[in-house]
C-alpha atoms as a PDB file:
ATOM      1  CA  UNK A   1    -124.131 -69.992  82.943  1.00  0.00           C
ATOM      2  CA  UNK A   2    -121.535 -68.347  80.571  1.00  0.00           C
ATOM      3  CA  UNK A   3    -120.925 -64.989  81.869  1.00  0.00           C
ATOM      4  CA  UNK A   4    -119.195 -61.785  80.672  1.00  0.00           C
ATOM      5  CA  UNK A   5    -118.249 -58.792  83.026  1.00  0.00           C
ATOM      6  CA  UNK A   6    -118.021 -55.600  81.172  1.00  0.00           C
ATOM      7  CA  UNK A   7    -117.061 -52.278  83.196  1.00  0.00           C
ATOM      8  CA  UNK A   8    -117.900 -49.058  81.385  1.00  0.00           C
ATOM      9  CA  UNK A   9    -115.493 -46.504  82.278  1.00  0.00           C
ATOM     10  CA  UNK A  10    -115.068 -42.906  80.557  1.00  0.00           C
ATOM     11  CA  UNK A  11    -112.604 -40.239  81.469  1.00  0.00           C
ATOM     12  CA  UNK A  12    -114.888 -37.310  81.603  1.00  0.00           C
ATOM     13  CA  UNK A  13    -117.311 -37.136  84.399  1.00  0.00           C
ATOM     14  CA  UNK A  14    -119.599 -34.077  85.348  1.00  0.00           C
ATOM     15  CA  UNK A  15    -118.775 -33.840  89.176  1.00  0.00           C
ATOM     16  CA  UNK A  16    -115.343 -35.435  89.619  1.00  0.00           C
ATOM     17  CA  UNK A  17    -112.768 -34.910  86.832  1.00  0.00           C
ATOM     18  CA  UNK A  18    -110.984 -38.266  85.758  1.00  0.00           C
ATOM     19  CA  UNK A  19    -112.571 -40.044  88.637  1.00  0.00           C
ATOM     20  CA  UNK A  20    -111.853 -43.398  86.951  1.00  0.00           C
ATOM     21  CA  UNK A  21    -108.151 -42.514  87.505  1.00  0.00           C
ATOM     22  CA  UNK A  22    -108.478 -41.093  91.099  1.00  0.00           C
ATOM     23  CA  UNK A  23    -105.855 -42.481  93.468  1.00  0.00           C
ATOM     24  CA  UNK A  24    -107.141 -45.008  96.153  1.00  0.00           C
ATOM     25  CA  UNK A  25    -104.282 -46.335  98.295  1.00  0.00           C
ATOM     26  CA  UNK A  26    -101.783 -46.064  95.436  1.00  0.00           C
ATOM     27  CA  UNK A  27    -103.945 -47.626  92.825  1.00  0.00           C
ATOM     28  CA  UNK A  28    -106.549 -45.919  90.332  1.00  0.00           C
ATOM     29  CA  UNK A  29    -110.124 -46.629  90.899  1.00  0.00           C
ATOM     30  CA  UNK A  30    -110.709 -48.545  87.737  1.00  0.00           C
ATOM     31  CA  UNK A  31    -107.939 -51.112  88.945  1.00  0.00           C
ATOM     32  CA  UNK A  32    -109.908 -51.465  92.235  1.00  0.00           C
ATOM     33  CA  UNK A  33    -113.339 -52.082  90.303  1.00  0.00           C
ATOM     34  CA  UNK A  34    -111.366 -54.575  87.945  1.00  0.00           C
ATOM     35  CA  UNK A  35    -109.951 -56.582  90.882  1.00  0.00           C
ATOM     36  CA  UNK A  36    -113.161 -56.741  92.555  1.00  0.00           C
ATOM     37  CA  UNK A  37    -115.045 -58.157  89.556  1.00  0.00           C
ATOM     38  CA  UNK A  38    -112.145 -60.665  88.717  1.00  0.00           C
ATOM     39  CA  UNK A  39    -112.253 -61.880  92.342  1.00  0.00           C
ATOM     40  CA  UNK A  40    -116.067 -62.752  91.882  1.00  0.00           C
ATOM     41  CA  UNK A  41    -114.874 -65.394  89.696  1.00  0.00           C
ATOM     42  CA  UNK A  42    -117.933 -65.363  87.513  1.00  0.00           C
ATOM     43  CA  UNK A  43    -116.627 -64.942  84.063  1.00  0.00           C
ATOM     44  CA  UNK A  44    -114.149 -62.990  81.785  1.00  0.00           C
ATOM     45  CA  UNK A  45    -113.934 -59.231  82.853  1.00  0.00           C
ATOM     46  CA  UNK A  46    -113.265 -56.438  80.339  1.00  0.00           C
ATOM     47  CA  UNK A  47    -113.126 -52.472  80.619  1.00  0.00           C
ATOM     48  CA  UNK A  48    -114.965 -50.620  78.013  1.00  0.00           C
ATOM     49  CA  UNK A  49    -113.455 -47.294  77.869  1.00  0.00           C
ATOM     50  CA  UNK A  50    -113.260 -44.319  75.406  1.00  0.00           C
ATOM     51  CA  UNK A  51    -109.629 -43.335  75.238  1.00  0.00           C
ATOM     52  CA  UNK A  52    -105.976 -44.309  76.037  1.00  0.00           C
ATOM     53  CA  UNK A  53    -105.454 -43.077  79.699  1.00  0.00           C
ATOM     54  CA  UNK A  54    -107.904 -45.666  81.338  1.00  0.00           C
ATOM     55  CA  UNK A  55    -106.952 -48.151  78.889  1.00  0.00           C
ATOM     56  CA  UNK A  56    -103.341 -47.779  79.946  1.00  0.00           C
ATOM     57  CA  UNK A  57    -104.388 -48.027  83.739  1.00  0.00           C
ATOM     58  CA  UNK A  58    -106.251 -51.325  82.776  1.00  0.00           C
ATOM     59  CA  UNK A  59    -103.280 -52.519  80.831  1.00  0.00           C
ATOM     60  CA  UNK A  60    -100.978 -51.863  83.770  1.00  0.00           C
ATOM     61  CA  UNK A  61    -103.239 -53.768  86.233  1.00  0.00           C
ATOM     62  CA  UNK A  62    -103.127 -56.679  83.730  1.00  0.00           C
ATOM     63  CA  UNK A  63    -106.649 -56.438  82.504  1.00  0.00           C
ATOM     64  CA  UNK A  64    -108.297 -56.444  79.181  1.00  0.00           C
ATOM     65  CA  UNK A  65    -109.837 -53.475  77.452  1.00  0.00           C
ATOM     66  CA  UNK A  66    -111.913 -52.383  74.566  1.00  0.00           C
ATOM     67  CA  UNK A  67    -111.911 -48.910  73.207  1.00  0.00           C
ATOM     68  CA  UNK A  68    -115.348 -47.766  72.388  1.00  0.00           C
ATOM     69  CA  UNK A  69    -116.901 -44.297  70.783  1.00  0.00           C
ATOM     70  CA  UNK A  70    -116.569 -41.502  73.372  1.00  0.00           C
ATOM     71  CA  UNK A  71    -119.757 -40.021  71.975  1.00  0.00           C
ATOM     72  CA  UNK A  72    -121.938 -43.076  73.335  1.00  0.00           C
ATOM     73  CA  UNK A  73    -124.961 -41.767  75.551  1.00  0.00           C
ATOM     74  CA  UNK A  74    -124.580 -44.002  78.309  1.00  0.00           C
ATOM     75  CA  UNK A  75    -122.604 -46.679  80.290  1.00  0.00           C
ATOM     76  CA  UNK A  76    -125.288 -49.410  79.032  1.00  0.00           C
ATOM     77  CA  UNK A  77    -124.441 -48.302  75.284  1.00  0.00           C
ATOM     78  CA  UNK A  78    -120.723 -48.625  76.040  1.00  0.00           C
ATOM     79  CA  UNK A  79    -121.351 -52.038  77.388  1.00  0.00           C
ATOM     80  CA  UNK A  80    -123.244 -53.057  74.069  1.00  0.00           C
ATOM     81  CA  UNK A  81    -120.483 -51.604  71.977  1.00  0.00           C
ATOM     82  CA  UNK A  82    -117.941 -53.653  73.831  1.00  0.00           C
ATOM     83  CA  UNK A  83    -119.789 -56.756  73.653  1.00  0.00           C
ATOM     84  CA  UNK A  84    -120.136 -56.221  69.664  1.00  0.00           C
ATOM     85  CA  UNK A  85    -116.520 -55.313  69.599  1.00  0.00           C
ATOM     86  CA  UNK A  86    -115.672 -58.501  71.171  1.00  0.00           C
ATOM     87  CA  UNK A  87    -117.387 -60.353  68.334  1.00  0.00           C
ATOM     88  CA  UNK A  88    -120.617 -61.138  70.267  1.00  0.00           C
ATOM     89  CA  UNK A  89    -119.180 -64.055  72.284  1.00  0.00           C
ATOM     90  CA  UNK A  90    -121.321 -66.801  73.265  1.00  0.00           C
ATOM     91  CA  UNK A  91    -122.538 -65.921  76.675  1.00  0.00           C
ATOM     92  CA  UNK A  92    -125.682 -66.331  78.572  1.00  0.00           C
ATOM     93  CA  UNK A  93    -125.477 -63.264  80.736  1.00  0.00           C
ATOM     94  CA  UNK A  94    -123.531 -59.835  80.512  1.00  0.00           C
ATOM     95  CA  UNK A  95    -122.947 -58.097  83.880  1.00  0.00           C
ATOM     96  CA  UNK A  96    -122.568 -54.264  83.721  1.00  0.00           C
ATOM     97  CA  UNK A  97    -120.497 -53.102  86.641  1.00  0.00           C
ATOM     98  CA  UNK A  98    -120.032 -49.278  87.041  1.00  0.00           C
ATOM     99  CA  UNK A  99    -116.541 -48.086  87.017  1.00  0.00           C
ATOM    100  CA  UNK A 100    -117.227 -45.834  90.025  1.00  0.00           C
ATOM    101  CA  UNK A 101    -117.752 -48.744  92.529  1.00  0.00           C
ATOM    102  CA  UNK A 102    -114.226 -49.377  94.088  1.00  0.00           C
ATOM    103  CA  UNK A 103    -115.488 -51.242  97.170  1.00  0.00           C
ATOM    104  CA  UNK A 104    -117.909 -53.688  95.415  1.00  0.00           C
ATOM    105  CA  UNK A 105    -118.005 -56.891  97.075  1.00  0.00           C
ATOM    106  CA  UNK A 106    -117.283 -59.685  94.914  1.00  0.00           C
ATOM    107  CA  UNK A 107    -120.198 -61.780  96.051  1.00  0.00           C
ATOM    108  CA  UNK A 108    -122.504 -59.047  94.794  1.00  0.00           C
ATOM    109  CA  UNK A 109    -121.634 -60.337  91.246  1.00  0.00           C
ATOM    110  CA  UNK A 110    -122.555 -64.001  92.442  1.00  0.00           C
ATOM    111  CA  UNK A 111    -125.805 -62.809  93.976  1.00  0.00           C
ATOM    112  CA  UNK A 112    -126.828 -60.852  90.828  1.00  0.00           C
ATOM    113  CA  UNK A 113    -126.932 -64.122  88.578  1.00  0.00           C
ATOM    114  CA  UNK A 114    -129.276 -66.185  91.097  1.00  0.00           C
ATOM    115  CA  UNK A 115    -132.417 -64.537  89.590  1.00  0.00           C
ATOM    116  CA  UNK A 116    -131.760 -66.143  86.356  1.00  0.00           C
ATOM    117  CA  UNK A 117    -132.464 -69.668  87.586  1.00  0.00           C
ATOM    118  CA  UNK A 118    -135.898 -68.428  86.418  1.00  0.00           C
ATOM    119  CA  UNK A 119    -135.996 -68.382  82.614  1.00  0.00           C
ATOM    120  CA  UNK A 120    -138.514 -65.660  82.511  1.00  0.00           C
ATOM    121  CA  UNK A 121    -136.140 -63.263  84.008  1.00  0.00           C
ATOM    122  CA  UNK A 122    -134.537 -60.698  81.406  1.00  0.00           C
ATOM    123  CA  UNK A 123    -132.387 -58.510  83.606  1.00  0.00           C
ATOM    124  CA  UNK A 124    -131.404 -58.639  86.975  1.00  0.00           C
ATOM    125  CA  UNK A 125    -130.074 -55.913  89.594  1.00  0.00           C
ATOM    126  CA  UNK A 126    -129.495 -55.502  93.186  1.00  0.00           C
ATOM    127  CA  UNK A 127    -131.019 -53.860  96.285  1.00  0.00           C
ATOM    128  CA  UNK A 128    -130.506 -53.393  99.785  1.00  0.00           C
ATOM    129  CA  UNK A 129    -132.652 -52.639 102.746  1.00  0.00           C
ATOM    130  CA  UNK A 130    -132.653 -48.759 103.714  1.00  0.00           C
ATOM    131  CA  UNK A 131    -131.771 -48.529 107.552  1.00  0.00           C
ATOM    132  CA  UNK A 132    -131.223 -44.715 107.413  1.00  0.00           C
ATOM    133  CA  UNK A 133    -134.420 -42.931 107.500  1.00  0.00           C
ATOM    134  CA  UNK A 134    -133.120 -39.727 105.764  1.00  0.00           C
ATOM    135  CA  UNK A 135    -132.582 -42.071 102.626  1.00  0.00           C
ATOM    136  CA  UNK A 136    -136.325 -42.557 102.147  1.00  0.00           C
ATOM    137  CA  UNK A 137    -136.847 -39.143 100.676  1.00  0.00           C
ATOM    138  CA  UNK A 138    -133.467 -38.407  99.349  1.00  0.00           C
ATOM    139  CA  UNK A 139    -134.078 -38.224  95.514  1.00  0.00           C
ATOM    140  CA  UNK A 140    -130.436 -39.386  95.015  1.00  0.00           C
ATOM    141  CA  UNK A 141    -131.200 -42.760  96.511  1.00  0.00           C
ATOM    142  CA  UNK A 142    -133.301 -44.867  94.018  1.00  0.00           C
ATOM    143  CA  UNK A 143    -136.182 -46.967  95.502  1.00  0.00           C
ATOM    144  CA  UNK A 144    -137.766 -49.972  94.138  1.00  0.00           C
ATOM    145  CA  UNK A 145    -141.338 -51.287  94.176  1.00  0.00           C
ATOM    146  CA  UNK A 146    -141.353 -54.843  94.140  1.00  0.00           C
ATOM    147  CA  UNK A 147    -143.226 -58.003  95.319  1.00  0.00           C
ATOM    148  CA  UNK A 148    -142.344 -59.829  98.500  1.00  0.00           C
ATOM    149  CA  UNK A 149    -138.905 -61.485  98.415  1.00  0.00           C
ATOM    150  CA  UNK A 150    -138.538 -65.072  98.258  1.00  0.00           C
ATOM    151  CA  UNK A 151    -135.068 -66.189  99.250  1.00  0.00           C
ATOM    152  CA  UNK A 152    -133.866 -62.703  98.813  1.00  0.00           C
ATOM    153  CA  UNK A 153    -135.071 -62.438  95.333  1.00  0.00           C
ATOM    154  CA  UNK A 154    -138.175 -60.302  94.069  1.00  0.00           C
ATOM    155  CA  UNK A 155    -139.635 -59.234  91.004  1.00  0.00           C
ATOM    156  CA  UNK A 156    -139.249 -55.389  90.221  1.00  0.00           C
ATOM    157  CA  UNK A 157    -142.360 -53.675  89.387  1.00  0.00           C
ATOM    158  CA  UNK A 158    -141.148 -49.888  89.185  1.00  0.00           C
ATOM    159  CA  UNK A 159    -138.281 -47.740  90.139  1.00  0.00           C
ATOM    160  CA  UNK A 160    -138.438 -44.232  91.604  1.00  0.00           C
ATOM    161  CA  UNK A 161    -136.515 -41.332  93.181  1.00  0.00           C
ATOM    162  CA  UNK A 162    -139.640 -40.868  95.347  1.00  0.00           C
ATOM    163  CA  UNK A 163    -140.523 -42.795  98.478  1.00  0.00           C
ATOM    164  CA  UNK A 164    -142.365 -45.768  96.946  1.00  0.00           C
ATOM    165  CA  UNK A 165    -144.287 -47.632  97.587  1.00  0.00           C
ATOM    166  CA  UNK A 166    -146.491 -45.523  99.831  1.00  0.00           C
ATOM    167  CA  UNK A 167    -147.012 -46.453 103.321  1.00  0.00           C
ATOM    168  CA  UNK A 168    -144.384 -49.291 103.138  1.00  0.00           C
ATOM    169  CA  UNK A 169    -142.807 -50.673 106.384  1.00  0.00           C
ATOM    170  CA  UNK A 170    -139.337 -51.405 104.432  1.00  0.00           C
ATOM    171  CA  UNK A 171    -137.936 -49.299 101.794  1.00  0.00           C
ATOM    172  CA  UNK A 172    -135.214 -50.758  99.365  1.00  0.00           C
ATOM    173  CA  UNK A 173    -132.252 -48.915  98.001  1.00  0.00           C
ATOM    174  CA  UNK A 174    -131.293 -49.967  94.337  1.00  0.00           C
ATOM    175  CA  UNK A 175    -127.828 -50.441  93.514  1.00  0.00           C
ATOM    176  CA  UNK A 176    -126.835 -49.763  89.994  1.00  0.00           C
ATOM    177  CA  UNK A 177    -125.316 -52.963  88.973  1.00  0.00           C
ATOM    178  CA  UNK A 178    -127.029 -54.970  86.313  1.00  0.00           C
ATOM    179  CA  UNK A 179    -126.984 -58.152  84.454  1.00  0.00           C
ATOM    180  CA  UNK A 180    -128.715 -58.756  81.179  1.00  0.00           C
ATOM    181  CA  UNK A 181    -129.695 -61.855  78.771  1.00  0.00           C
ATOM    182  CA  UNK A 182    -127.856 -60.358  75.512  1.00  0.00           C
ATOM    183  CA  UNK A 183    -131.243 -60.198  73.626  1.00  0.00           C
ATOM    184  CA  UNK A 184    -132.677 -57.863  76.317  1.00  0.00           C
ATOM    185  CA  UNK A 185    -129.740 -55.719  76.073  1.00  0.00           C
ATOM    186  CA  UNK A 186    -129.751 -55.293  72.512  1.00  0.00           C
ATOM    187  CA  UNK A 187    -133.366 -54.434  72.603  1.00  0.00           C
ATOM    188  CA  UNK A 188    -132.762 -51.842  75.169  1.00  0.00           C
ATOM    189  CA  UNK A 189    -130.140 -50.062  73.149  1.00  0.00           C
ATOM    190  CA  UNK A 190    -132.314 -50.057  70.005  1.00  0.00           C
ATOM    191  CA  UNK A 191    -135.378 -48.585  71.782  1.00  0.00           C
ATOM    192  CA  UNK A 192    -135.580 -44.925  72.083  1.00  0.00           C
ATOM    193  CA  UNK A 193    -135.616 -43.399  75.702  1.00  0.00           C
ATOM    194  CA  UNK A 194    -139.445 -43.496  77.130  1.00  0.00           C
ATOM    195  CA  UNK A 195    -141.314 -41.068  78.943  1.00  0.00           C
ATOM    196  CA  UNK A 196    -140.953 -42.679  82.464  1.00  0.00           C
ATOM    197  CA  UNK A 197    -137.200 -42.833  81.866  1.00  0.00           C
ATOM    198  CA  UNK A 198    -136.803 -39.419  81.117  1.00  0.00           C
ATOM    199  CA  UNK A 199    -139.334 -38.244  83.969  1.00  0.00           C
ATOM    200  CA  UNK A 200    -137.410 -40.061  86.677  1.00  0.00           C
ATOM    201  CA  UNK A 201    -133.939 -40.228  85.021  1.00  0.00           C
ATOM    202  CA  UNK A 202    -133.790 -43.802  85.476  1.00  0.00           C
ATOM    203  CA  UNK A 203    -132.853 -45.726  82.192  1.00  0.00           C
ATOM    204  CA  UNK A 204    -133.905 -49.212  83.703  1.00  0.00           C
ATOM    205  CA  UNK A 205    -137.584 -48.081  83.273  1.00  0.00           C
ATOM    206  CA  UNK A 206    -136.988 -48.501  79.506  1.00  0.00           C
ATOM    207  CA  UNK A 207    -136.934 -52.211  80.002  1.00  0.00           C
ATOM    208  CA  UNK A 208    -140.059 -52.214  82.066  1.00  0.00           C
ATOM    209  CA  UNK A 209    -141.945 -49.919  79.796  1.00  0.00           C
ATOM    210  CA  UNK A 210    -141.357 -52.386  76.898  1.00  0.00           C
ATOM    211  CA  UNK A 211    -142.352 -55.378  79.001  1.00  0.00           C
ATOM    212  CA  UNK A 212    -139.188 -56.845  80.254  1.00  0.00           C
ATOM    213  CA  UNK A 213    -138.995 -58.695  83.382  1.00  0.00           C
ATOM    214  CA  UNK A 214    -136.479 -57.283  85.943  1.00  0.00           C
ATOM    215  CA  UNK A 215    -135.820 -59.271  89.253  1.00  0.00           C
ATOM    216  CA  UNK A 216    -133.824 -57.896  92.295  1.00  0.00           C
ATOM    217  CA  UNK A 217    -131.209 -59.855  94.419  1.00  0.00           C
ATOM    218  CA  UNK A 218    -131.272 -58.315  97.917  1.00  0.00           C
ATOM    219  CA  UNK A 219    -127.927 -57.921  99.526  1.00  0.00           C
ATOM    220  CA  UNK A 220    -126.689 -56.788 103.019  1.00  0.00           C
ATOM    221  CA  UNK A 221    -125.280 -53.690 101.922  1.00  0.00           C
ATOM    222  CA  UNK A 222    -124.776 -50.982  99.325  1.00  0.00           C
ATOM    223  CA  UNK A 223    -121.180 -50.391  97.978  1.00  0.00           C
ATOM    224  CA  UNK A 224    -120.056 -46.929  98.172  1.00  0.00           C
ATOM    225  CA  UNK A 225    -119.997 -45.031  94.982  1.00  0.00           C
ATOM    226  CA  UNK A 226    -117.832 -42.101  93.861  1.00  0.00           C
ATOM    227  CA  UNK A 227    -119.465 -39.105  92.418  1.00  0.00           C
ATOM    228  CA  UNK A 228    -117.713 -36.170  94.241  1.00  0.00           C
ATOM    229  CA  UNK A 229    -114.596 -35.408  96.017  1.00  0.00           C
ATOM    230  CA  UNK A 230    -116.526 -35.920  99.436  1.00  0.00           C
ATOM    231  CA  UNK A 231    -117.368 -39.442  98.295  1.00  0.00           C
ATOM    232  CA  UNK A 232    -113.826 -40.058  97.046  1.00  0.00           C
ATOM    233  CA  UNK A 233    -112.318 -39.117 100.449  1.00  0.00           C
ATOM    234  CA  UNK A 234    -114.679 -41.401 102.201  1.00  0.00           C
ATOM    235  CA  UNK A 235    -113.809 -44.331  99.941  1.00  0.00           C
ATOM    236  CA  UNK A 236    -110.212 -43.548 100.595  1.00  0.00           C
ATOM    237  CA  UNK A 237    -110.796 -43.823 104.313  1.00  0.00           C
ATOM    238  CA  UNK A 238    -112.534 -47.214 103.899  1.00  0.00           C
ATOM    239  CA  UNK A 239    -110.477 -48.714 101.347  1.00  0.00           C
ATOM    240  CA  UNK A 240    -107.660 -50.315 103.679  1.00  0.00           C
ATOM    241  CA  UNK A 241    -110.277 -52.385 104.992  1.00  0.00           C
ATOM    242  CA  UNK A 242    -111.118 -53.826 101.560  1.00  0.00           C
ATOM    243  CA  UNK A 243    -107.636 -54.719 100.695  1.00  0.00           C
END
């Protein structure tokens, strides 16, 4: 499959100012994400950003960037805008890697492509087994209802911040990395936000409500994301082990 990796990254963030440029072991966070995506060796990697500061950091790291409208409503819209700006290249899959995952494991981007062996799959994402009981009822940890995994792949039925499915023995933590067939991504950005998406505050529910199929690749662990200063300090302490 021909694959394009796009990393949406904006300068302004609600809880941590300029987090894409936060220093981690002497390198800005966006450089970490860029390098991890390149190490996956699944296709060209492009950063979609909204201004010159992140673009300069990407260029300094030898990466490619696209400047997109700073007023776009989401990272997914920024991925689509970058794909259009690139001239809609002939690719089978577009991978959306959030710019706040500096410790992403490169093999996760290889795993996320596996569900597309099934031609009925429109979108793929990642999940890992929840091992910390407190995460089950933590609304910041998104859970997935899915069918029984086969070879670490399962079909997603629903995503929720609640502890779903009820009475489950195992709960799965959704990891916010996505891969799309271009037609599915195009449809997504042209649909209005739906009721379930707005209620749960989970945009992937827009795909499900409109009948698109999402399959999940189950991986061993979730990469640490950076949303707060505490997250950043934790990542800084772990980063030397990921060099």
